[in-house]
Amino acid sequence: MQVCIVDGPSGLCLGCYRTLQEIGGWSALTDDRRAEITAELPSRRSRIDPGKLGG
């Protein structure tokens, strides 16, 4: 089991880059919507202070 830690300023998980709303509703999303979100995740990393990501 993984635990998400959400960054306050960006509203994104420091590990998976999803929002709390996305995390909470993940199982109810369609496969297409999950694929859309997953495709966006790498670009979201830049919204988090690099110091919070360990580098």
PDB file of N, CA and C in Angstrom:
ATOM      1  N   MET A   1       0.837  -1.182   0.000  1.00  0.00           N
ATOM      2  CA  MET A   1       0.000   0.000   0.000  1.00  0.00           C
ATOM      3  C   MET A   1       0.884   1.247   0.000  1.00  0.00           C
ATOM      4  N   GLN A   2       0.540   2.188  -0.848  1.00  0.00           N
ATOM      5  CA  GLN A   2       1.305   3.430  -0.926  1.00  0.00           C
ATOM      6  C   GLN A   2       0.515   4.542  -0.260  1.00  0.00           C
ATOM      7  N   VAL A   3       1.223   5.517   0.272  1.00  0.00           N
ATOM      8  CA  VAL A   3       0.591   6.634   0.954  1.00  0.00           C
ATOM      9  C   VAL A   3       0.980   7.921   0.240  1.00  0.00           C
ATOM     10  N   CYS A   4      -0.007   8.700  -0.130  1.00  0.00           N
ATOM     11  CA  CYS A   4       0.249   9.963  -0.801  1.00  0.00           C
ATOM     12  C   CYS A   4       0.468  11.066   0.230  1.00  0.00           C
ATOM     13  N   ILE A   5       1.406  11.956  -0.060  1.00  0.00           N
ATOM     14  CA  ILE A   5       1.666  13.141   0.746  1.00  0.00           C
ATOM     15  C   ILE A   5       1.453  14.331  -0.180  1.00  0.00           C
ATOM     16  N   VAL A   6       0.458  15.156   0.125  1.00  0.00           N
ATOM     17  CA  VAL A   6       0.091  16.247  -0.766  1.00  0.00           C
ATOM     18  C   VAL A   6       0.811  17.531  -0.380  1.00  0.00           C
ATOM     19  N   ASP A   7       1.398  18.160  -1.366  1.00  0.00           N
ATOM     20  CA  ASP A   7       2.075  19.451  -1.241  1.00  0.00           C
ATOM     21  C   ASP A   7       1.005  20.542  -1.214  1.00  0.00           C
ATOM     22  N   GLY A   8       0.995  21.357  -0.176  1.00  0.00           N
ATOM     23  CA  GLY A   8      -0.022  22.394  -0.039  1.00  0.00           C
ATOM     24  C   GLY A   8      -0.084  23.391  -1.181  1.00  0.00           C
ATOM     25  N   PRO A   9       1.043  24.028  -1.528  1.00  0.00           N
ATOM     26  CA  PRO A   9       0.987  25.057  -2.571  1.00  0.00           C
ATOM     27  C   PRO A   9       0.529  24.552  -3.939  1.00  0.00           C
ATOM     28  N   SER A  10       0.961  23.375  -4.335  1.00  0.00           N
ATOM     29  CA  SER A  10       0.599  22.869  -5.658  1.00  0.00           C
ATOM     30  C   SER A  10      -0.675  22.030  -5.632  1.00  0.00           C
ATOM     31  N   GLY A  11      -0.993  21.441  -4.468  1.00  0.00           N
ATOM     32  CA  GLY A  11      -2.142  20.549  -4.364  1.00  0.00           C
ATOM     33  C   GLY A  11      -1.911  19.182  -4.967  1.00  0.00           C
ATOM     34  N   LEU A  12      -0.648  18.847  -5.232  1.00  0.00           N
ATOM     35  CA  LEU A  12      -0.300  17.579  -5.864  1.00  0.00           C
ATOM     36  C   LEU A  12       0.427  16.660  -4.893  1.00  0.00           C
ATOM     37  N   CYS A  13       0.232  15.362  -5.063  1.00  0.00           N
ATOM     38  CA  CYS A  13       0.973  14.373  -4.289  1.00  0.00           C
ATOM     39  C   CYS A  13       2.449  14.461  -4.680  1.00  0.00           C
ATOM     40  N   LEU A  14       3.319  14.379  -3.688  1.00  0.00           N
ATOM     41  CA  LEU A  14       4.757  14.452  -3.949  1.00  0.00           C
ATOM     42  C   LEU A  14       5.300  13.207  -4.636  1.00  0.00           C
ATOM     43  N   GLY A  15       4.535  12.138  -4.657  1.00  0.00           N
ATOM     44  CA  GLY A  15       5.000  10.904  -5.280  1.00  0.00           C
ATOM     45  C   GLY A  15       4.379  10.619  -6.634  1.00  0.00           C
ATOM     46  N   CYS A  16       3.055  10.799  -6.709  1.00  0.00           N
ATOM     47  CA  CYS A  16       2.365  10.416  -7.953  1.00  0.00           C
ATOM     48  C   CYS A  16       1.875  11.606  -8.774  1.00  0.00           C
ATOM     49  N   TYR A  17       1.917  12.816  -8.185  1.00  0.00           N
ATOM     50  CA  TYR A  17       1.541  14.073  -8.857  1.00  0.00           C
ATOM     51  C   TYR A  17       0.054  14.195  -9.163  1.00  0.00           C
ATOM     52  N   ARG A  18      -0.774  13.391  -8.503  1.00  0.00           N
ATOM     53  CA  ARG A  18      -2.220  13.523  -8.667  1.00  0.00           C
ATOM     54  C   ARG A  18      -2.764  14.455  -7.583  1.00  0.00           C
ATOM     55  N   THR A  19      -3.962  15.030  -7.826  1.00  0.00           N
ATOM     56  CA  THR A  19      -4.630  15.854  -6.835  1.00  0.00           C
ATOM     57  C   THR A  19      -5.385  14.956  -5.859  1.00  0.00           C
ATOM     58  N   LEU A  20      -5.794  15.538  -4.734  1.00  0.00           N
ATOM     59  CA  LEU A  20      -6.589  14.763  -3.777  1.00  0.00           C
ATOM     60  C   LEU A  20      -7.880  14.270  -4.415  1.00  0.00           C
ATOM     61  N   GLN A  21      -8.507  15.093  -5.230  1.00  0.00           N
ATOM     62  CA  GLN A  21      -9.745  14.693  -5.897  1.00  0.00           C
ATOM     63  C   GLN A  21      -9.493  13.498  -6.825  1.00  0.00           C
ATOM     64  N   GLU A  22      -8.389  13.539  -7.557  1.00  0.00           N
ATOM     65  CA  GLU A  22      -8.054  12.424  -8.457  1.00  0.00           C
ATOM     66  C   GLU A  22      -7.741  11.156  -7.672  1.00  0.00           C
ATOM     67  N   ILE A  23      -6.993  11.305  -6.588  1.00  0.00           N
ATOM     68  CA  ILE A  23      -6.635  10.151  -5.763  1.00  0.00           C
ATOM     69  C   ILE A  23      -7.889   9.524  -5.174  1.00  0.00           C
ATOM     70  N   GLY A  24      -8.765  10.353  -4.606  1.00  0.00           N
ATOM     71  CA  GLY A  24      -9.966   9.857  -3.954  1.00  0.00           C
ATOM     72  C   GLY A  24     -10.951   9.197  -4.901  1.00  0.00           C
ATOM     73  N   GLY A  25     -11.009   9.680  -6.117  1.00  0.00           N
ATOM     74  CA  GLY A  25     -11.977   9.148  -7.061  1.00  0.00           C
ATOM     75  C   GLY A  25     -11.404   8.232  -8.111  1.00  0.00           C
ATOM     76  N   TRP A  26     -10.137   7.856  -7.953  1.00  0.00           N
ATOM     77  CA  TRP A  26      -9.424   7.093  -8.984  1.00  0.00           C
ATOM     78  C   TRP A  26     -10.176   5.833  -9.417  1.00  0.00           C
ATOM     79  N   SER A  27     -10.667   5.070  -8.480  1.00  0.00           N
ATOM     80  CA  SER A  27     -11.322   3.806  -8.831  1.00  0.00           C
ATOM     81  C   SER A  27     -12.635   4.016  -9.573  1.00  0.00           C
ATOM     82  N   ALA A  28     -13.238   5.190  -9.436  1.00  0.00           N
ATOM     83  CA  ALA A  28     -14.507   5.468 -10.107  1.00  0.00           C
ATOM     84  C   ALA A  28     -14.320   6.082 -11.502  1.00  0.00           C
ATOM     85  N   LEU A  29     -13.101   6.470 -11.833  1.00  0.00           N
ATOM     86  CA  LEU A  29     -12.842   7.088 -13.135  1.00  0.00           C
ATOM     87  C   LEU A  29     -12.849   6.041 -14.246  1.00  0.00           C
ATOM     88  N   THR A  30     -13.175   6.493 -15.434  1.00  0.00           N
ATOM     89  CA  THR A  30     -13.125   5.595 -16.589  1.00  0.00           C
ATOM     90  C   THR A  30     -11.673   5.327 -16.956  1.00  0.00           C
ATOM     91  N   ASP A  31     -11.451   4.268 -17.684  1.00  0.00           N
ATOM     92  CA  ASP A  31     -10.091   3.962 -18.146  1.00  0.00           C
ATOM     93  C   ASP A  31      -9.541   5.110 -18.984  1.00  0.00           C
ATOM     94  N   ASP A  32     -10.393   5.722 -19.818  1.00  0.00           N
ATOM     95  CA  ASP A  32      -9.943   6.829 -20.653  1.00  0.00           C
ATOM     96  C   ASP A  32      -9.510   8.027 -19.815  1.00  0.00           C
ATOM     97  N   ARG A  33     -10.297   8.347 -18.788  1.00  0.00           N
ATOM     98  CA  ARG A  33      -9.944   9.500 -17.937  1.00  0.00           C
ATOM     99  C   ARG A  33      -8.673   9.215 -17.153  1.00  0.00           C
ATOM    100  N   ARG A  34      -8.512   7.995 -16.659  1.00  0.00           N
ATOM    101  CA  ARG A  34      -7.268   7.649 -15.961  1.00  0.00           C
ATOM    102  C   ARG A  34      -6.066   7.762 -16.896  1.00  0.00           C
ATOM    103  N   ALA A  35      -6.237   7.361 -18.150  1.00  0.00           N
ATOM    104  CA  ALA A  35      -5.151   7.471 -19.131  1.00  0.00           C
ATOM    105  C   ALA A  35      -4.810   8.929 -19.388  1.00  0.00           C
ATOM    106  N   GLU A  36      -5.826   9.796 -19.461  1.00  0.00           N
ATOM    107  CA  GLU A  36      -5.583  11.229 -19.668  1.00  0.00           C
ATOM    108  C   GLU A  36      -4.781  11.817 -18.507  1.00  0.00           C
ATOM    109  N   ILE A  37      -5.198  11.493 -17.291  1.00  0.00           N
ATOM    110  CA  ILE A  37      -4.497  12.001 -16.108  1.00  0.00           C
ATOM    111  C   ILE A  37      -3.073  11.466 -16.071  1.00  0.00           C
ATOM    112  N   THR A  38      -2.907  10.182 -16.317  1.00  0.00           N
ATOM    113  CA  THR A  38      -1.578   9.566 -16.297  1.00  0.00           C
ATOM    114  C   THR A  38      -0.651  10.233 -17.303  1.00  0.00           C
ATOM    115  N   ALA A  39      -1.171  10.596 -18.455  1.00  0.00           N
ATOM    116  CA  ALA A  39      -0.355  11.258 -19.473  1.00  0.00           C
ATOM    117  C   ALA A  39       0.098  12.645 -19.024  1.00  0.00           C
ATOM    118  N   GLU A  40      -0.686  13.296 -18.164  1.00  0.00           N
ATOM    119  CA  GLU A  40      -0.358  14.635 -17.670  1.00  0.00           C
ATOM    120  C   GLU A  40       0.657  14.628 -16.529  1.00  0.00           C
ATOM    121  N   LEU A  41       0.786  13.514 -15.834  1.00  0.00           N
ATOM    122  CA  LEU A  41       1.567  13.478 -14.603  1.00  0.00           C
ATOM    123  C   LEU A  41       3.017  13.944 -14.740  1.00  0.00           C
ATOM    124  N   PRO A  42       3.771  13.509 -15.740  1.00  0.00           N
ATOM    125  CA  PRO A  42       5.170  13.966 -15.816  1.00  0.00           C
ATOM    126  C   PRO A  42       5.306  15.488 -15.886  1.00  0.00           C
ATOM    127  N   SER A  43       4.416  16.164 -16.575  1.00  0.00           N
ATOM    128  CA  SER A  43       4.515  17.623 -16.691  1.00  0.00           C
ATOM    129  C   SER A  43       4.130  18.328 -15.391  1.00  0.00           C
ATOM    130  N   ARG A  44       3.401  17.673 -14.525  1.00  0.00           N
ATOM    131  CA  ARG A  44       2.982  18.269 -13.261  1.00  0.00           C
ATOM    132  C   ARG A  44       4.136  18.400 -12.278  1.00  0.00           C
ATOM    133  N   ARG A  45       5.157  17.592 -12.429  1.00  0.00           N
ATOM    134  CA  ARG A  45       6.289  17.608 -11.486  1.00  0.00           C
ATOM    135  C   ARG A  45       6.878  19.003 -11.337  1.00  0.00           C
ATOM    136  N   SER A  46       6.894  19.771 -12.416  1.00  0.00           N
ATOM    137  CA  SER A  46       7.490  21.108 -12.381  1.00  0.00           C
ATOM    138  C   SER A  46       6.696  22.082 -11.511  1.00  0.00           C
ATOM    139  N   ARG A  47       5.479  21.730 -11.122  1.00  0.00           N
ATOM    140  CA  ARG A  47       4.658  22.593 -10.270  1.00  0.00           C
ATOM    141  C   ARG A  47       5.009  22.460  -8.792  1.00  0.00           C
ATOM    142  N   ILE A  48       5.892  21.513  -8.462  1.00  0.00           N
ATOM    143  CA  ILE A  48       6.286  21.274  -7.068  1.00  0.00           C
ATOM    144  C   ILE A  48       7.703  21.785  -6.849  1.00  0.00           C
ATOM    145  N   ASP A  49       7.925  22.461  -5.726  1.00  0.00           N
ATOM    146  CA  ASP A  49       9.249  22.957  -5.347  1.00  0.00           C
ATOM    147  C   ASP A  49      10.228  21.780  -5.365  1.00  0.00           C
ATOM    148  N   PRO A  50      11.300  21.859  -6.174  1.00  0.00           N
ATOM    149  CA  PRO A  50      12.258  20.744  -6.280  1.00  0.00           C
ATOM    150  C   PRO A  50      12.837  20.316  -4.943  1.00  0.00           C
ATOM    151  N   GLY A  51      12.951  21.216  -3.990  1.00  0.00           N
ATOM    152  CA  GLY A  51      13.473  20.876  -2.674  1.00  0.00           C
ATOM    153  C   GLY A  51      12.601  19.883  -1.926  1.00  0.00           C
ATOM    154  N   LYS A  52      11.319  19.868  -2.246  1.00  0.00           N
ATOM    155  CA  LYS A  52      10.397  18.932  -1.622  1.00  0.00           C
ATOM    156  C   LYS A  52      10.454  17.551  -2.244  1.00  0.00           C
ATOM    157  N   LEU A  53      11.109  17.460  -3.399  1.00  0.00           N
ATOM    158  CA  LEU A  53      11.207  16.190  -4.108  1.00  0.00           C
ATOM    159  C   LEU A  53      12.543  15.501  -3.895  1.00  0.00           C
ATOM    160  N   GLY A  54      13.346  16.057  -3.009  1.00  0.00           N
ATOM    161  CA  GLY A  54      14.620  15.433  -2.692  1.00  0.00           C
ATOM    162  C   GLY A  54      15.714  15.730  -3.700  1.00  0.00           C
ATOM    163  N   GLY A  55      15.572  16.811  -4.418  1.00  0.00           N
ATOM    164  CA  GLY A  55      16.637  17.122  -5.365  1.00  0.00           C
ATOM    165  C   GLY A  55      16.390  18.273  -6.138  1.00  0.00           C
TER     166      GLY A  55
END
